[in-house]
Amino acid sequence: MPYIPNSERVKVADGKLPHAGAFNYAVHQLIDSYFDQHNRNYQSINDIIGALDCVKMELYRRMVEDYEQIKILQNGDCAPYTKWIKDAHKIK
């Protein structure tokens, strides 16, 4: 959550992000800056949510997907995916 102590908010302003809560707070500060530069209306909210969704999807596509593939090769796959591949011939 973005509700961090004031002492940590100062650190975030200096670019220090020691934990996920500080990162969350920093993202909210960017959102606030966007609102300061645009109308606080549905369009701005939609713009922000759309950008956050695209950031999330790109992060997953570029980083998490490769990491997951490495872990599958290292540790083996798990259900339901192993069953999906095995039963793929039944999908017709």
N, C-alpha and C. Protein backbone atom coordinates (compact mmCIF):
# COMPACT_ATOMS: atom_id res chain seq x y z
N MET A 1 0.84 -1.19 0.00
CA MET A 1 0.00 0.00 0.00
C MET A 1 0.88 1.24 0.00
N PRO A 2 0.34 2.34 -0.48
CA PRO A 2 1.14 3.57 -0.55
C PRO A 2 1.18 4.35 0.76
N TYR A 3 0.67 3.78 1.83
CA TYR A 3 0.56 4.52 3.09
C TYR A 3 1.81 4.28 3.94
N ILE A 4 2.89 4.94 3.57
CA ILE A 4 4.16 4.77 4.27
C ILE A 4 4.41 5.98 5.17
N PRO A 5 5.25 5.83 6.19
CA PRO A 5 5.53 6.95 7.09
C PRO A 5 6.17 8.13 6.34
N ASN A 6 5.97 9.32 6.88
CA ASN A 6 6.54 10.52 6.27
C ASN A 6 8.05 10.43 6.09
N SER A 7 8.73 9.79 7.04
CA SER A 7 10.19 9.65 6.93
C SER A 7 10.58 8.85 5.69
N GLU A 8 9.76 7.90 5.31
CA GLU A 8 10.05 7.11 4.11
C GLU A 8 9.64 7.85 2.84
N ARG A 9 8.64 8.72 2.94
CA ARG A 9 8.22 9.50 1.78
C ARG A 9 9.34 10.41 1.30
N VAL A 10 10.12 10.93 2.25
CA VAL A 10 11.27 11.78 1.91
C VAL A 10 12.30 10.96 1.13
N LYS A 11 12.53 9.72 1.55
CA LYS A 11 13.48 8.85 0.85
C LYS A 11 13.01 8.58 -0.57
N VAL A 12 11.71 8.36 -0.74
CA VAL A 12 11.17 8.12 -2.08
C VAL A 12 11.40 9.35 -2.96
N ALA A 13 11.20 10.52 -2.41
CA ALA A 13 11.44 11.76 -3.17
C ALA A 13 12.89 11.85 -3.63
N ASP A 14 13.81 11.21 -2.89
CA ASP A 14 15.22 11.17 -3.26
C ASP A 14 15.55 9.98 -4.18
N GLY A 15 14.51 9.24 -4.58
CA GLY A 15 14.72 8.12 -5.50
C GLY A 15 15.06 6.80 -4.83
N LYS A 16 14.93 6.72 -3.52
CA LYS A 16 15.23 5.48 -2.81
C LYS A 16 13.94 4.68 -2.62
N LEU A 17 13.98 3.43 -3.03
CA LEU A 17 12.80 2.56 -2.96
C LEU A 17 13.20 1.27 -2.24
N PRO A 18 13.28 1.29 -0.89
CA PRO A 18 13.78 0.14 -0.15
C PRO A 18 12.83 -1.05 -0.06
N HIS A 19 11.57 -0.86 -0.39
CA HIS A 19 10.61 -1.97 -0.30
C HIS A 19 9.42 -1.68 -1.22
N ALA A 20 8.56 -2.68 -1.37
CA ALA A 20 7.44 -2.58 -2.30
C ALA A 20 6.47 -1.46 -1.93
N GLY A 21 6.30 -1.20 -0.63
CA GLY A 21 5.42 -0.11 -0.22
C GLY A 21 5.92 1.24 -0.71
N ALA A 22 7.23 1.43 -0.66
CA ALA A 22 7.82 2.68 -1.16
C ALA A 22 7.65 2.78 -2.67
N PHE A 23 7.83 1.66 -3.36
CA PHE A 23 7.61 1.65 -4.81
C PHE A 23 6.17 2.00 -5.14
N ASN A 24 5.23 1.40 -4.40
CA ASN A 24 3.81 1.67 -4.59
C ASN A 24 3.53 3.16 -4.38
N TYR A 25 4.10 3.72 -3.33
CA TYR A 25 3.93 5.15 -3.05
C TYR A 25 4.47 5.99 -4.23
N ALA A 26 5.64 5.62 -4.74
CA ALA A 26 6.24 6.36 -5.86
C ALA A 26 5.34 6.33 -7.09
N VAL A 27 4.74 5.19 -7.35
CA VAL A 27 3.82 5.09 -8.49
C VAL A 27 2.62 6.02 -8.27
N HIS A 28 2.11 6.06 -7.06
CA HIS A 28 0.99 6.94 -6.76
C HIS A 28 1.37 8.41 -6.92
N GLN A 29 2.62 8.73 -6.62
CA GLN A 29 3.07 10.12 -6.82
C GLN A 29 3.11 10.46 -8.30
N LEU A 30 3.50 9.50 -9.14
CA LEU A 30 3.45 9.72 -10.59
C LEU A 30 2.01 9.92 -11.06
N ILE A 31 1.12 9.13 -10.52
CA ILE A 31 -0.30 9.27 -10.87
C ILE A 31 -0.79 10.66 -10.47
N ASP A 32 -0.41 11.11 -9.28
CA ASP A 32 -0.81 12.44 -8.83
C ASP A 32 -0.26 13.52 -9.75
N SER A 33 0.97 13.35 -10.22
CA SER A 33 1.56 14.31 -11.15
C SER A 33 0.78 14.35 -12.46
N TYR A 34 0.35 13.18 -12.93
CA TYR A 34 -0.45 13.12 -14.15
C TYR A 34 -1.76 13.89 -13.95
N PHE A 35 -2.40 13.66 -12.81
CA PHE A 35 -3.63 14.40 -12.52
C PHE A 35 -3.38 15.91 -12.43
N ASP A 36 -2.25 16.32 -11.89
CA ASP A 36 -1.94 17.75 -11.80
C ASP A 36 -1.82 18.38 -13.19
N GLN A 37 -1.43 17.58 -14.18
CA GLN A 37 -1.22 18.10 -15.53
C GLN A 37 -2.43 17.90 -16.44
N HIS A 38 -3.41 17.14 -15.99
CA HIS A 38 -4.60 16.85 -16.79
C HIS A 38 -5.84 17.00 -15.90
N ASN A 39 -6.97 16.98 -16.53
CA ASN A 39 -8.20 17.05 -15.76
C ASN A 39 -8.38 15.78 -14.93
N ARG A 40 -8.95 15.95 -13.76
CA ARG A 40 -9.27 14.79 -12.92
C ARG A 40 -10.66 14.31 -13.33
N ASN A 41 -10.67 13.53 -14.40
CA ASN A 41 -11.94 13.05 -14.93
C ASN A 41 -11.79 11.59 -15.37
N TYR A 42 -12.86 11.06 -15.92
CA TYR A 42 -12.85 9.66 -16.33
C TYR A 42 -11.76 9.39 -17.36
N GLN A 43 -11.56 10.30 -18.30
CA GLN A 43 -10.55 10.09 -19.33
C GLN A 43 -9.17 9.94 -18.73
N SER A 44 -8.83 10.79 -17.77
CA SER A 44 -7.52 10.69 -17.12
C SER A 44 -7.39 9.38 -16.35
N ILE A 45 -8.43 9.01 -15.65
CA ILE A 45 -8.41 7.74 -14.92
C ILE A 45 -8.23 6.58 -15.90
N ASN A 46 -8.95 6.63 -17.01
CA ASN A 46 -8.83 5.60 -18.03
C ASN A 46 -7.42 5.57 -18.62
N ASP A 47 -6.83 6.74 -18.87
CA ASP A 47 -5.46 6.82 -19.37
C ASP A 47 -4.49 6.15 -18.40
N ILE A 48 -4.63 6.45 -17.13
CA ILE A 48 -3.73 5.91 -16.11
C ILE A 48 -3.87 4.40 -16.01
N ILE A 49 -5.10 3.91 -15.92
CA ILE A 49 -5.32 2.47 -15.81
C ILE A 49 -4.80 1.76 -17.04
N GLY A 50 -5.03 2.34 -18.23
CA GLY A 50 -4.52 1.74 -19.46
C GLY A 50 -3.01 1.67 -19.47
N ALA A 51 -2.35 2.74 -19.05
CA ALA A 51 -0.89 2.75 -19.01
C ALA A 51 -0.36 1.72 -18.00
N LEU A 52 -0.99 1.65 -16.82
CA LEU A 52 -0.55 0.68 -15.82
C LEU A 52 -0.74 -0.75 -16.31
N ASP A 53 -1.84 -1.02 -17.00
CA ASP A 53 -2.06 -2.36 -17.55
C ASP A 53 -0.99 -2.70 -18.58
N CYS A 54 -0.65 -1.75 -19.45
CA CYS A 54 0.37 -1.99 -20.46
C CYS A 54 1.74 -2.19 -19.83
N VAL A 55 2.05 -1.42 -18.80
CA VAL A 55 3.32 -1.60 -18.09
C VAL A 55 3.38 -3.00 -17.50
N LYS A 56 2.30 -3.41 -16.87
CA LYS A 56 2.25 -4.75 -16.26
C LYS A 56 2.43 -5.84 -17.31
N MET A 57 1.71 -5.72 -18.41
CA MET A 57 1.81 -6.74 -19.45
C MET A 57 3.20 -6.78 -20.08
N GLU A 58 3.81 -5.63 -20.31
CA GLU A 58 5.13 -5.59 -20.91
C GLU A 58 6.18 -6.16 -19.95
N LEU A 59 6.07 -5.84 -18.68
CA LEU A 59 6.98 -6.39 -17.68
C LEU A 59 6.87 -7.91 -17.65
N TYR A 60 5.64 -8.42 -17.68
CA TYR A 60 5.44 -9.86 -17.68
C TYR A 60 6.02 -10.48 -18.94
N ARG A 61 5.69 -9.89 -20.10
CA ARG A 61 6.13 -10.43 -21.38
C ARG A 61 7.64 -10.44 -21.50
N ARG A 62 8.30 -9.37 -21.05
CA ARG A 62 9.73 -9.22 -21.26
C ARG A 62 10.58 -9.87 -20.18
N MET A 63 10.05 -10.02 -18.98
CA MET A 63 10.89 -10.52 -17.89
C MET A 63 10.34 -11.79 -17.23
N VAL A 64 9.09 -11.78 -16.85
CA VAL A 64 8.55 -12.90 -16.08
C VAL A 64 8.42 -14.14 -16.95
N GLU A 65 7.99 -13.98 -18.18
CA GLU A 65 7.79 -15.13 -19.05
C GLU A 65 9.09 -15.93 -19.22
N ASP A 66 10.19 -15.24 -19.48
CA ASP A 66 11.48 -15.93 -19.62
C ASP A 66 11.89 -16.60 -18.31
N TYR A 67 11.71 -15.90 -17.20
CA TYR A 67 12.05 -16.46 -15.90
C TYR A 67 11.25 -17.74 -15.63
N GLU A 68 9.95 -17.69 -15.94
CA GLU A 68 9.10 -18.87 -15.72
C GLU A 68 9.57 -20.04 -16.58
N GLN A 69 9.94 -19.78 -17.81
CA GLN A 69 10.41 -20.86 -18.68
C GLN A 69 11.68 -21.50 -18.12
N ILE A 70 12.58 -20.70 -17.61
CA ILE A 70 13.80 -21.23 -16.99
C ILE A 70 13.45 -22.12 -15.81
N LYS A 71 12.51 -21.67 -14.97
CA LYS A 71 12.13 -22.45 -13.79
C LYS A 71 11.42 -23.75 -14.18
N ILE A 72 10.64 -23.73 -15.26
CA ILE A 72 10.00 -24.97 -15.74
C ILE A 72 11.07 -25.97 -16.16
N LEU A 73 12.08 -25.50 -16.88
CA LEU A 73 13.16 -26.39 -17.31
C LEU A 73 13.95 -26.91 -16.11
N GLN A 74 14.18 -26.07 -15.12
CA GLN A 74 14.94 -26.48 -13.94
C GLN A 74 14.16 -27.44 -13.04
N ASN A 75 12.88 -27.17 -12.84
CA ASN A 75 12.11 -27.87 -11.81
C ASN A 75 10.99 -28.75 -12.34
N GLY A 76 10.72 -28.68 -13.63
CA GLY A 76 9.61 -29.44 -14.20
C GLY A 76 8.32 -28.65 -14.14
N ASP A 77 7.43 -28.98 -15.04
CA ASP A 77 6.14 -28.29 -15.13
C ASP A 77 5.19 -28.82 -14.07
N CYS A 78 4.02 -28.21 -13.96
CA CYS A 78 3.04 -28.64 -12.97
C CYS A 78 1.64 -28.62 -13.60
N ALA A 79 0.73 -29.32 -12.94
CA ALA A 79 -0.66 -29.34 -13.38
C ALA A 79 -1.25 -27.95 -13.14
N PRO A 80 -2.15 -27.50 -13.94
CA PRO A 80 -2.86 -28.22 -15.00
C PRO A 80 -2.15 -28.20 -16.35
N TYR A 81 -0.99 -27.56 -16.43
CA TYR A 81 -0.33 -27.38 -17.72
C TYR A 81 0.20 -28.68 -18.28
N THR A 82 0.68 -29.56 -17.44
CA THR A 82 1.15 -30.85 -17.93
C THR A 82 -0.01 -31.66 -18.50
N LYS A 83 -1.16 -31.54 -17.89
CA LYS A 83 -2.36 -32.24 -18.39
C LYS A 83 -2.85 -31.60 -19.67
N TRP A 84 -2.76 -30.29 -19.76
CA TRP A 84 -3.21 -29.57 -20.95
C TRP A 84 -2.43 -30.04 -22.18
N ILE A 85 -1.12 -30.12 -22.05
CA ILE A 85 -0.29 -30.56 -23.17
C ILE A 85 -0.59 -32.02 -23.51
N LYS A 86 -0.72 -32.87 -22.49
CA LYS A 86 -0.99 -34.29 -22.69
C LYS A 86 -2.34 -34.49 -23.38
N ASP A 87 -3.34 -33.68 -23.02
CA ASP A 87 -4.69 -33.85 -23.54
C ASP A 87 -5.00 -32.93 -24.73
N ALA A 88 -3.98 -32.28 -25.29
CA ALA A 88 -4.22 -31.34 -26.38
C ALA A 88 -4.91 -31.99 -27.56
N HIS A 89 -4.64 -33.26 -27.79
CA HIS A 89 -5.25 -33.96 -28.93
C HIS A 89 -6.78 -34.06 -28.79
N LYS A 90 -7.30 -33.92 -27.57
CA LYS A 90 -8.74 -34.01 -27.33
C LYS A 90 -9.49 -32.74 -27.70
N ILE A 91 -8.75 -31.66 -27.95
CA ILE A 91 -9.38 -30.38 -28.26
C ILE A 91 -9.62 -30.29 -29.76
N LYS A 92 -10.77 -30.71 -30.15
CA LYS A 92 -11.17 -30.62 -31.58
C LYS A 92 -12.64 -30.69 -31.71
